[in-house]
Amino acid sequence: LKMEHTRTNCRGWAHYALAPEEGKTLYEDILLDIRDILERFCEPVLRQNADEIKQAVPNRKHYEYMCENREKLAGEYREKLGINGQGILETYGLVAERIRLLCGRPLEEAEKDLMGYAALLEEEILRQYGGVRKKDDRYASVFITEVGRHRKCFNMMADIFFAYKNTRAIEVVGNNLKLLSEKE
């Protein structure tokens, strides 16, 4: 609809789809229109997607830091928050309070704490409900699967960064953990 002077229109495309033998010329015109659409509109979309990926959190840097420092972070933040045998909901309650304080601060100031909270919650979920930690280098993601009897899956790093960027998500993450605790 944004293109001016197209060779074809949606009825022509539908006609070709129903009767391809009728139009080599129509087929060539469709291909030329698609090329024009891509040349005119694709670059801004690709740039926008690239910018979003560059600004995505957690990102590869966070993933690599988590892979290298997970145990140290979990221990440090367990001590920092005074976690000693509390249930997952109590632990998350303490983490949620801290995340609320971080919201609105620059990512550079908050990212180490966010990764520490994610590492702590991962460790607590594994300790309390079992599961298997997996890493996916291609997607730069750490997640735990087969958690509890219902074999749930959690990506705490993504959840914690999501909660930091969107304060309504703090309750969403908490509700997911509440469901886990109630079903077990």
C-alpha atoms as a PDB file:
ATOM      1  CA  LEU A   1       0.000   0.000   0.000  1.00  0.00           C
ATOM      2  CA  LYS A   2       2.941   2.368   0.523  1.00  0.00           C
ATOM      3  CA  MET A   3       4.386   1.693  -2.931  1.00  0.00           C
ATOM      4  CA  GLU A   4       3.551   3.993  -5.807  1.00  0.00           C
ATOM      5  CA  HIS A   5       3.146   2.647  -9.330  1.00  0.00           C
ATOM      6  CA  THR A   6       3.308  -1.058  -8.585  1.00  0.00           C
ATOM      7  CA  ARG A   7       3.243  -3.503 -11.464  1.00  0.00           C
ATOM      8  CA  THR A   8       0.749  -5.754  -9.669  1.00  0.00           C
ATOM      9  CA  ASN A   9      -1.776  -5.664  -6.869  1.00  0.00           C
ATOM     10  CA  CYS A  10      -3.062  -8.154  -4.314  1.00  0.00           C
ATOM     11  CA  ARG A  11      -5.731  -9.467  -6.712  1.00  0.00           C
ATOM     12  CA  GLY A  12      -3.032 -10.236  -9.265  1.00  0.00           C
ATOM     13  CA  TRP A  13      -0.994 -12.042  -6.624  1.00  0.00           C
ATOM     14  CA  ALA A  14      -4.042 -14.075  -5.605  1.00  0.00           C
ATOM     15  CA  HIS A  15      -4.834 -14.841  -9.235  1.00  0.00           C
ATOM     16  CA  TYR A  16      -1.313 -16.101  -9.835  1.00  0.00           C
ATOM     17  CA  ALA A  17      -1.533 -18.249  -6.707  1.00  0.00           C
ATOM     18  CA  LEU A  18      -4.702 -19.860  -8.078  1.00  0.00           C
ATOM     19  CA  ALA A  19      -3.617 -20.153 -11.719  1.00  0.00           C
ATOM     20  CA  PRO A  20       0.191 -19.978 -12.066  1.00  0.00           C
ATOM     21  CA  GLU A  21       0.180 -21.384 -15.588  1.00  0.00           C
ATOM     22  CA  GLU A  22      -1.507 -18.247 -16.891  1.00  0.00           C
ATOM     23  CA  GLY A  23       1.189 -15.782 -16.304  1.00  0.00           C
ATOM     24  CA  LYS A  24       4.912 -15.836 -16.671  1.00  0.00           C
ATOM     25  CA  THR A  25       4.718 -12.062 -17.078  1.00  0.00           C
ATOM     26  CA  LEU A  26       2.592 -11.723 -13.948  1.00  0.00           C
ATOM     27  CA  TYR A  27       5.131 -13.864 -12.072  1.00  0.00           C
ATOM     28  CA  GLU A  28       8.003 -11.650 -13.237  1.00  0.00           C
ATOM     29  CA  ASP A  29       6.048  -8.517 -12.265  1.00  0.00           C
ATOM     30  CA  ILE A  30       5.368  -9.949  -8.799  1.00  0.00           C
ATOM     31  CA  LEU A  31       9.089 -10.640  -8.336  1.00  0.00           C
ATOM     32  CA  LEU A  32       9.992  -7.130  -9.475  1.00  0.00           C
ATOM     33  CA  ASP A  33       7.447  -5.624  -7.064  1.00  0.00           C
ATOM     34  CA  ILE A  34       8.841  -7.704  -4.213  1.00  0.00           C
ATOM     35  CA  ARG A  35      12.351  -6.532  -5.091  1.00  0.00           C
ATOM     36  CA  ASP A  36      11.186  -2.904  -5.090  1.00  0.00           C
ATOM     37  CA  ILE A  37       9.464  -3.359  -1.723  1.00  0.00           C
ATOM     38  CA  LEU A  38      12.592  -4.876  -0.210  1.00  0.00           C
ATOM     39  CA  GLU A  39      14.855  -2.182  -1.622  1.00  0.00           C
ATOM     40  CA  ARG A  40      12.620   0.616  -0.436  1.00  0.00           C
ATOM     41  CA  PHE A  41      11.416  -0.627   2.950  1.00  0.00           C
ATOM     42  CA  CYS A  42      13.738  -3.374   4.137  1.00  0.00           C
ATOM     43  CA  GLU A  43      16.782  -1.316   5.184  1.00  0.00           C
ATOM     44  CA  PRO A  44      14.962   0.779   7.813  1.00  0.00           C
ATOM     45  CA  VAL A  45      13.371  -2.375   9.263  1.00  0.00           C
ATOM     46  CA  LEU A  46      16.737  -4.139   9.374  1.00  0.00           C
ATOM     47  CA  ARG A  47      18.347  -1.096  11.024  1.00  0.00           C
ATOM     48  CA  GLN A  48      15.565  -0.939  13.613  1.00  0.00           C
ATOM     49  CA  ASN A  49      15.942  -4.665  14.352  1.00  0.00           C
ATOM     50  CA  ALA A  50      19.722  -4.317  14.657  1.00  0.00           C
ATOM     51  CA  ASP A  51      19.361  -1.366  17.045  1.00  0.00           C
ATOM     52  CA  GLU A  52      16.902  -3.333  19.184  1.00  0.00           C
ATOM     53  CA  ILE A  53      19.254  -6.311  19.322  1.00  0.00           C
ATOM     54  CA  LYS A  54      22.177  -4.066  20.303  1.00  0.00           C
ATOM     55  CA  GLN A  55      20.157  -2.623  23.159  1.00  0.00           C
ATOM     56  CA  ALA A  56      18.603  -5.921  24.262  1.00  0.00           C
ATOM     57  CA  VAL A  57      19.181  -7.008  27.808  1.00  0.00           C
ATOM     58  CA  PRO A  58      20.325  -9.432  28.867  1.00  0.00           C
ATOM     59  CA  ASN A  59      22.870  -9.532  26.072  1.00  0.00           C
ATOM     60  CA  ARG A  60      25.908 -11.674  25.207  1.00  0.00           C
ATOM     61  CA  LYS A  61      28.129  -9.739  27.620  1.00  0.00           C
ATOM     62  CA  HIS A  62      25.720 -10.518  30.466  1.00  0.00           C
ATOM     63  CA  TYR A  63      25.493 -14.156  29.396  1.00  0.00           C
ATOM     64  CA  GLU A  64      29.279 -14.585  29.355  1.00  0.00           C
ATOM     65  CA  TYR A  65      29.660 -12.868  32.705  1.00  0.00           C
ATOM     66  CA  MET A  66      26.979 -15.110  34.192  1.00  0.00           C
ATOM     67  CA  CYS A  67      28.603 -18.252  32.803  1.00  0.00           C
ATOM     68  CA  GLU A  68      31.986 -17.319  34.269  1.00  0.00           C
ATOM     69  CA  ASN A  69      30.806 -15.966  37.637  1.00  0.00           C
ATOM     70  CA  ARG A  70      27.498 -17.661  38.481  1.00  0.00           C
ATOM     71  CA  GLU A  71      28.616 -19.505  41.622  1.00  0.00           C
ATOM     72  CA  LYS A  72      30.506 -16.498  42.974  1.00  0.00           C
ATOM     73  CA  LEU A  73      27.552 -14.203  42.289  1.00  0.00           C
ATOM     74  CA  ALA A  74      25.058 -16.576  43.915  1.00  0.00           C
ATOM     75  CA  GLY A  75      27.193 -16.831  47.056  1.00  0.00           C
ATOM     76  CA  GLU A  76      27.824 -13.098  47.238  1.00  0.00           C
ATOM     77  CA  TYR A  77      24.147 -12.187  46.846  1.00  0.00           C
ATOM     78  CA  ARG A  78      23.002 -14.961  49.205  1.00  0.00           C
ATOM     79  CA  GLU A  79      25.183 -13.318  51.840  1.00  0.00           C
ATOM     80  CA  LYS A  80      24.223  -9.764  50.841  1.00  0.00           C
ATOM     81  CA  LEU A  81      20.491 -10.513  51.200  1.00  0.00           C
ATOM     82  CA  GLY A  82      20.872 -12.781  54.229  1.00  0.00           C
ATOM     83  CA  ILE A  83      19.386 -15.823  52.498  1.00  0.00           C
ATOM     84  CA  ASN A  84      19.655 -18.868  54.715  1.00  0.00           C
ATOM     85  CA  GLY A  85      17.089 -21.564  53.980  1.00  0.00           C
ATOM     86  CA  GLN A  86      14.152 -19.289  53.091  1.00  0.00           C
ATOM     87  CA  GLY A  87      11.624 -20.533  50.566  1.00  0.00           C
ATOM     88  CA  ILE A  88      11.676 -19.315  47.002  1.00  0.00           C
ATOM     89  CA  LEU A  89       8.859 -16.819  47.605  1.00  0.00           C
ATOM     90  CA  GLU A  90      10.598 -15.196  50.555  1.00  0.00           C
ATOM     91  CA  THR A  91      13.834 -15.073  48.585  1.00  0.00           C
ATOM     92  CA  TYR A  92      12.096 -13.511  45.612  1.00  0.00           C
ATOM     93  CA  GLY A  93      10.368 -11.006  47.907  1.00  0.00           C
ATOM     94  CA  LEU A  94      13.767  -9.721  49.015  1.00  0.00           C
ATOM     95  CA  VAL A  95      15.021  -9.652  45.413  1.00  0.00           C
ATOM     96  CA  ALA A  96      11.868  -7.866  44.197  1.00  0.00           C
ATOM     97  CA  GLU A  97      12.385  -5.080  46.764  1.00  0.00           C
ATOM     98  CA  ARG A  98      15.915  -4.542  45.469  1.00  0.00           C
ATOM     99  CA  ILE A  99      14.807  -4.597  41.826  1.00  0.00           C
ATOM    100  CA  ARG A 100      12.255  -1.868  42.559  1.00  0.00           C
ATOM    101  CA  LEU A 101      15.091   0.277  43.911  1.00  0.00           C
ATOM    102  CA  LEU A 102      17.128  -0.317  40.741  1.00  0.00           C
ATOM    103  CA  CYS A 103      14.342   0.590  38.315  1.00  0.00           C
ATOM    104  CA  GLY A 104      15.036   3.860  36.573  1.00  0.00           C
ATOM    105  CA  ARG A 105      18.773   3.734  37.249  1.00  0.00           C
ATOM    106  CA  PRO A 106      21.140   3.359  34.286  1.00  0.00           C
ATOM    107  CA  LEU A 107      21.773  -0.226  33.246  1.00  0.00           C
ATOM    108  CA  GLU A 108      25.521   0.138  33.840  1.00  0.00           C
ATOM    109  CA  GLU A 109      24.818   0.776  37.531  1.00  0.00           C
ATOM    110  CA  ALA A 110      22.295  -2.045  37.887  1.00  0.00           C
ATOM    111  CA  GLU A 111      23.542  -4.907  35.713  1.00  0.00           C
ATOM    112  CA  LYS A 112      25.879  -6.597  38.227  1.00  0.00           C
ATOM    113  CA  ASP A 113      23.144  -6.633  40.860  1.00  0.00           C
ATOM    114  CA  LEU A 114      20.615  -7.967  38.351  1.00  0.00           C
ATOM    115  CA  MET A 115      22.940 -10.802  37.366  1.00  0.00           C
ATOM    116  CA  GLY A 116      23.603 -11.536  41.036  1.00  0.00           C
ATOM    117  CA  TYR A 117      19.874 -11.770  41.768  1.00  0.00           C
ATOM    118  CA  ALA A 118      19.383 -14.038  38.754  1.00  0.00           C
ATOM    119  CA  ALA A 119      22.238 -16.330  39.860  1.00  0.00           C
ATOM    120  CA  LEU A 120      20.873 -16.470  43.403  1.00  0.00           C
ATOM    121  CA  LEU A 121      17.345 -17.313  42.256  1.00  0.00           C
ATOM    122  CA  GLU A 122      18.633 -19.982  39.869  1.00  0.00           C
ATOM    123  CA  GLU A 123      20.573 -21.622  42.674  1.00  0.00           C
ATOM    124  CA  GLU A 124      17.599 -21.466  45.031  1.00  0.00           C
ATOM    125  CA  ILE A 125      15.220 -22.961  42.469  1.00  0.00           C
ATOM    126  CA  LEU A 126      17.659 -25.783  41.771  1.00  0.00           C
ATOM    127  CA  ARG A 127      18.234 -26.378  45.490  1.00  0.00           C
ATOM    128  CA  GLN A 128      14.552 -26.346  46.411  1.00  0.00           C
ATOM    129  CA  TYR A 129      12.890 -27.927  43.370  1.00  0.00           C
ATOM    130  CA  GLY A 130      15.626 -29.646  41.380  1.00  0.00           C
ATOM    131  CA  GLY A 131      16.117 -29.242  37.678  1.00  0.00           C
ATOM    132  CA  VAL A 132      18.856 -29.092  35.079  1.00  0.00           C
ATOM    133  CA  ARG A 133      20.862 -25.986  34.139  1.00  0.00           C
ATOM    134  CA  LYS A 134      21.455 -25.571  30.421  1.00  0.00           C
ATOM    135  CA  LYS A 135      23.339 -23.014  28.369  1.00  0.00           C
ATOM    136  CA  ASP A 136      22.615 -22.072  24.795  1.00  0.00           C
ATOM    137  CA  ASP A 137      25.610 -20.266  23.286  1.00  0.00           C
ATOM    138  CA  ARG A 138      23.767 -19.502  20.074  1.00  0.00           C
ATOM    139  CA  TYR A 139      21.063 -17.529  21.904  1.00  0.00           C
ATOM    140  CA  ALA A 140      23.336 -16.395  24.757  1.00  0.00           C
ATOM    141  CA  SER A 141      20.929 -17.811  27.286  1.00  0.00           C
ATOM    142  CA  VAL A 142      21.120 -19.760  30.536  1.00  0.00           C
ATOM    143  CA  PHE A 143      17.992 -21.533  31.672  1.00  0.00           C
ATOM    144  CA  ILE A 144      16.925 -24.289  34.013  1.00  0.00           C
ATOM    145  CA  THR A 145      14.581 -27.029  32.879  1.00  0.00           C
ATOM    146  CA  GLU A 146      12.723 -29.944  34.421  1.00  0.00           C
ATOM    147  CA  VAL A 147      12.028 -27.954  37.581  1.00  0.00           C
ATOM    148  CA  GLY A 148       9.696 -29.681  40.021  1.00  0.00           C
ATOM    149  CA  ARG A 149       7.147 -32.401  39.303  1.00  0.00           C
ATOM    150  CA  HIS A 150       5.630 -30.431  36.437  1.00  0.00           C
ATOM    151  CA  ARG A 151       9.025 -29.958  34.769  1.00  0.00           C
ATOM    152  CA  LYS A 152       8.792 -26.188  34.370  1.00  0.00           C
ATOM    153  CA  CYS A 153      11.452 -24.080  32.658  1.00  0.00           C
ATOM    154  CA  PHE A 154      12.924 -20.795  33.917  1.00  0.00           C
ATOM    155  CA  ASN A 155      15.273 -18.234  32.400  1.00  0.00           C
ATOM    156  CA  MET A 156      15.959 -16.171  35.493  1.00  0.00           C
ATOM    157  CA  MET A 157      18.402 -13.802  33.838  1.00  0.00           C
ATOM    158  CA  ALA A 158      15.812 -12.835  31.210  1.00  0.00           C
ATOM    159  CA  ASP A 159      13.095 -12.613  33.883  1.00  0.00           C
ATOM    160  CA  ILE A 160      15.147 -10.376  36.171  1.00  0.00           C
ATOM    161  CA  PHE A 161      16.199  -8.006  33.375  1.00  0.00           C
ATOM    162  CA  PHE A 162      12.578  -7.946  32.191  1.00  0.00           C
ATOM    163  CA  ALA A 163      11.448  -7.013  35.708  1.00  0.00           C
ATOM    164  CA  TYR A 164      14.085  -4.253  35.837  1.00  0.00           C
ATOM    165  CA  LYS A 165      12.886  -2.732  32.551  1.00  0.00           C
ATOM    166  CA  ASN A 166       9.168  -3.092  33.281  1.00  0.00           C
ATOM    167  CA  THR A 167       8.117  -2.817  36.916  1.00  0.00           C
ATOM    168  CA  ARG A 168       4.811  -4.609  36.258  1.00  0.00           C
ATOM    169  CA  ALA A 169       6.912  -7.649  35.379  1.00  0.00           C
ATOM    170  CA  ILE A 170       8.153  -7.857  38.974  1.00  0.00           C
ATOM    171  CA  GLU A 171       4.753  -9.291  39.901  1.00  0.00           C
ATOM    172  CA  VAL A 172       4.663 -11.513  36.800  1.00  0.00           C
ATOM    173  CA  VAL A 173       7.945 -13.155  37.776  1.00  0.00           C
ATOM    174  CA  GLY A 174       6.722 -13.461  41.355  1.00  0.00           C
ATOM    175  CA  ASN A 175       3.496 -15.096  40.183  1.00  0.00           C
ATOM    176  CA  ASN A 176       5.448 -17.655  38.135  1.00  0.00           C
ATOM    177  CA  LEU A 177       7.463 -18.564  41.223  1.00  0.00           C
ATOM    178  CA  LYS A 178       4.272 -18.644  43.307  1.00  0.00           C
ATOM    179  CA  LEU A 179       2.727 -21.119  40.850  1.00  0.00           C
ATOM    180  CA  LEU A 180       5.846 -23.256  41.124  1.00  0.00           C
ATOM    181  CA  SER A 181       5.695 -23.239  44.915  1.00  0.00           C
ATOM    182  CA  GLU A 182       1.957 -23.971  45.029  1.00  0.00           C
ATOM    183  CA  LYS A 183       2.114 -26.888  42.589  1.00  0.00           C
ATOM    184  CA  GLU A 184       4.922 -28.542  44.515  1.00  0.00           C
END
